[in-house]
Protein backbone atom coordinates (compact mmCIF):
# COMPACT_ATOMS: atom_id res chain seq x y z
CA MET A 1 164.68 142.92 205.98
CA SER A 2 165.43 145.42 203.30
CA ASP A 3 168.44 144.74 201.08
CA SER A 4 166.78 143.15 198.05
CA ALA A 5 170.07 143.22 196.14
CA ALA A 6 171.49 140.86 198.75
CA VAL A 7 170.11 137.84 196.91
CA ASP A 8 172.50 138.49 194.03
CA LYS A 9 175.53 138.67 196.31
CA VAL A 10 175.18 135.61 198.55
CA ASP A 11 178.36 133.84 199.63
CA MET A 12 176.77 130.41 200.13
CA GLU A 13 173.50 128.72 199.26
CA VAL A 14 171.85 125.77 200.98
CA ASP A 15 169.07 123.78 199.33
CA ALA A 16 166.67 122.59 202.05
CA ARG A 17 163.71 122.11 199.73
CA GLY A 18 161.59 119.11 200.64
CA LEU A 19 162.86 119.10 204.23
CA ASN A 20 160.61 119.82 207.19
CA CYS A 21 161.34 121.59 210.46
CA PRO A 22 163.88 121.58 212.02
CA LEU A 23 166.12 120.43 209.16
CA PRO A 24 166.27 123.73 207.20
CA ILE A 25 167.36 125.54 210.39
CA LEU A 26 169.93 122.86 211.24
CA LYS A 27 171.41 123.08 207.72
CA ALA A 28 171.53 126.88 208.02
CA LYS A 29 173.20 126.67 211.44
CA LYS A 30 175.88 124.31 210.09
CA ALA A 31 176.52 126.52 207.05
CA LEU A 32 176.72 129.72 209.12
CA ALA A 33 179.26 128.09 211.45
CA GLY A 34 181.67 127.80 208.53
CA MET A 35 181.19 131.35 207.31
CA GLN A 36 182.89 134.61 208.21
CA SER A 37 181.16 137.55 209.87
CA GLY A 38 179.18 139.63 207.38
CA GLN A 39 178.86 136.91 204.75
CA LEU A 40 175.43 136.11 203.33
CA LEU A 41 173.74 132.71 203.35
CA ARG A 42 170.71 131.92 201.18
CA VAL A 43 168.56 128.99 202.23
CA LEU A 44 165.88 127.61 199.91
CA ALA A 45 163.04 125.85 201.73
CA THR A 46 159.57 124.55 200.91
CA ASP A 47 158.24 124.14 204.47
CA PRO A 48 155.77 127.03 205.04
CA GLY A 49 156.72 126.98 208.73
CA SER A 50 160.28 127.92 207.81
CA VAL A 51 159.26 131.60 207.55
CA ARG A 52 158.48 131.74 211.25
CA ASP A 53 161.36 129.38 212.12
CA PHE A 54 163.98 131.58 210.42
CA GLN A 55 162.60 134.70 212.14
CA ALA A 56 162.94 133.01 215.53
CA PHE A 57 166.38 131.61 214.63
CA ALA A 58 167.63 135.10 213.73
CA ARG A 59 166.37 136.56 217.04
CA GLN A 60 167.93 133.73 219.06
CA THR A 61 171.33 133.71 217.36
CA GLY A 62 171.93 137.37 216.50
CA ASN A 63 172.35 136.60 212.79
CA GLU A 64 170.49 139.15 210.66
CA LEU A 65 167.56 137.96 208.56
CA VAL A 66 168.10 140.17 205.51
CA GLU A 67 165.27 138.89 203.33
CA GLN A 68 162.51 136.32 203.07
CA LYS A 69 160.97 135.96 199.64
CA GLN A 70 158.42 133.60 198.14
CA GLU A 71 159.79 132.20 194.89
CA THR A 72 158.12 129.93 192.34
CA HIS A 73 158.59 126.62 194.16
CA SER A 74 160.31 127.65 197.38
CA ILE A 75 160.91 130.32 200.00
CA ALA A 76 164.31 132.03 199.99
CA HIS A 77 165.73 133.08 203.34
CA VAL A 78 168.84 135.30 203.27
CA MET A 79 170.84 135.64 206.48
CA ARG A 80 173.92 137.70 207.31
CA ARG A 81 176.44 135.97 209.58
CA ARG A 82 176.95 137.89 212.79
């Protein structure tokens, strides 16, 4: 997780704020399915467990977790489609 400029260049954003596990992951999975390889997805979530969930999701699916960042009222997860 290193490309901090990635947040400015995302191809799609999903708002999963207010949703609890597993809904942020399911929304991310659906969005990634419609994206091309190499594109970036940014998911906004408020569930503190989403940090761990997105790490596990990246390992299981082969999609790269580019960045996880605490923002004012949410956590931003940026993934690169495999």
